[in-house]
């Protein structure tokens, strides 16, 4: 059975998560959840906008 490392001071979890994100971003291998959500929202808005433009141009023909 694998032993999981636990933090002795639970309040350090946020600091540790920030540290992980900082290191990963320096290597370009990680984006925070908030950044990923923002990218997803922007992509969705773009696709919807393009679809609506395509439909409106087809309706005019």
C-alpha atoms as a PDB file:
ATOM      1  CA  UNK A   1       0.000   0.000   0.000  1.00  0.00           C
ATOM      2  CA  UNK A   2       1.390   3.390  -1.011  1.00  0.00           C
ATOM      3  CA  UNK A   3       1.860   5.936   1.732  1.00  0.00           C
ATOM      4  CA  UNK A   4       0.577   9.414   0.904  1.00  0.00           C
ATOM      5  CA  UNK A   5       2.566  12.400   2.109  1.00  0.00           C
ATOM      6  CA  UNK A   6       0.383  14.680   4.195  1.00  0.00           C
ATOM      7  CA  UNK A   7       1.052  18.247   5.196  1.00  0.00           C
ATOM      8  CA  UNK A   8       1.755  18.723   8.886  1.00  0.00           C
ATOM      9  CA  UNK A   9       0.274  22.242   8.753  1.00  0.00           C
ATOM     10  CA  UNK A  10      -2.942  22.155   6.704  1.00  0.00           C
ATOM     11  CA  UNK A  11      -2.941  25.955   6.274  1.00  0.00           C
ATOM     12  CA  UNK A  12       0.116  25.599   4.023  1.00  0.00           C
ATOM     13  CA  UNK A  13      -1.930  23.955   1.253  1.00  0.00           C
ATOM     14  CA  UNK A  14      -2.651  27.228  -0.600  1.00  0.00           C
ATOM     15  CA  UNK A  15       0.980  28.353  -0.361  1.00  0.00           C
ATOM     16  CA  UNK A  16       2.129  24.993  -1.674  1.00  0.00           C
ATOM     17  CA  UNK A  17      -0.371  25.123  -4.547  1.00  0.00           C
ATOM     18  CA  UNK A  18       0.828  28.625  -5.489  1.00  0.00           C
ATOM     19  CA  UNK A  19       4.416  27.384  -5.404  1.00  0.00           C
ATOM     20  CA  UNK A  20       3.573  24.460  -7.698  1.00  0.00           C
ATOM     21  CA  UNK A  21       1.816  26.758 -10.165  1.00  0.00           C
ATOM     22  CA  UNK A  22       4.715  29.213 -10.157  1.00  0.00           C
ATOM     23  CA  UNK A  23       7.283  26.499 -10.873  1.00  0.00           C
ATOM     24  CA  UNK A  24       5.122  24.909 -13.574  1.00  0.00           C
ATOM     25  CA  UNK A  25       4.465  28.237 -15.274  1.00  0.00           C
ATOM     26  CA  UNK A  26       8.211  28.916 -15.432  1.00  0.00           C
ATOM     27  CA  UNK A  27       8.553  25.693 -17.396  1.00  0.00           C
ATOM     28  CA  UNK A  28       5.436  26.452 -19.444  1.00  0.00           C
ATOM     29  CA  UNK A  29       3.690  23.208 -18.564  1.00  0.00           C
ATOM     30  CA  UNK A  30       0.786  24.371 -16.440  1.00  0.00           C
ATOM     31  CA  UNK A  31      -1.983  26.919 -16.380  1.00  0.00           C
ATOM     32  CA  UNK A  32      -4.154  27.630 -13.388  1.00  0.00           C
ATOM     33  CA  UNK A  33      -7.765  26.524 -13.417  1.00  0.00           C
ATOM     34  CA  UNK A  34      -8.909  30.124 -13.729  1.00  0.00           C
ATOM     35  CA  UNK A  35      -6.756  30.646 -16.830  1.00  0.00           C
ATOM     36  CA  UNK A  36      -8.000  27.421 -18.401  1.00  0.00           C
ATOM     37  CA  UNK A  37     -11.624  28.441 -17.710  1.00  0.00           C
ATOM     38  CA  UNK A  38     -11.049  31.856 -19.263  1.00  0.00           C
ATOM     39  CA  UNK A  39      -9.496  30.304 -22.378  1.00  0.00           C
ATOM     40  CA  UNK A  40     -12.417  27.868 -22.659  1.00  0.00           C
ATOM     41  CA  UNK A  41     -14.977  30.664 -22.331  1.00  0.00           C
ATOM     42  CA  UNK A  42     -13.229  32.746 -24.982  1.00  0.00           C
ATOM     43  CA  UNK A  43     -13.022  29.799 -27.376  1.00  0.00           C
ATOM     44  CA  UNK A  44     -16.705  29.023 -26.853  1.00  0.00           C
ATOM     45  CA  UNK A  45     -17.711  32.640 -27.468  1.00  0.00           C
ATOM     46  CA  UNK A  46     -15.614  32.707 -30.649  1.00  0.00           C
ATOM     47  CA  UNK A  47     -17.164  29.502 -32.007  1.00  0.00           C
ATOM     48  CA  UNK A  48     -20.685  30.722 -31.245  1.00  0.00           C
ATOM     49  CA  UNK A  49     -19.962  34.085 -32.851  1.00  0.00           C
ATOM     50  CA  UNK A  50     -18.544  32.471 -35.997  1.00  0.00           C
ATOM     51  CA  UNK A  51     -21.518  30.105 -36.199  1.00  0.00           C
ATOM     52  CA  UNK A  52     -23.981  32.977 -35.879  1.00  0.00           C
ATOM     53  CA  UNK A  53     -22.139  34.979 -38.552  1.00  0.00           C
ATOM     54  CA  UNK A  54     -22.156  31.987 -40.873  1.00  0.00           C
ATOM     55  CA  UNK A  55     -25.893  31.464 -40.340  1.00  0.00           C
ATOM     56  CA  UNK A  56     -26.713  35.121 -40.931  1.00  0.00           C
ATOM     57  CA  UNK A  57     -24.685  35.226 -44.145  1.00  0.00           C
ATOM     58  CA  UNK A  58     -26.451  32.064 -45.382  1.00  0.00           C
ATOM     59  CA  UNK A  59     -29.844  33.581 -44.571  1.00  0.00           C
ATOM     60  CA  UNK A  60     -29.059  36.641 -46.683  1.00  0.00           C
ATOM     61  CA  UNK A  61     -28.347  34.545 -49.777  1.00  0.00           C
END
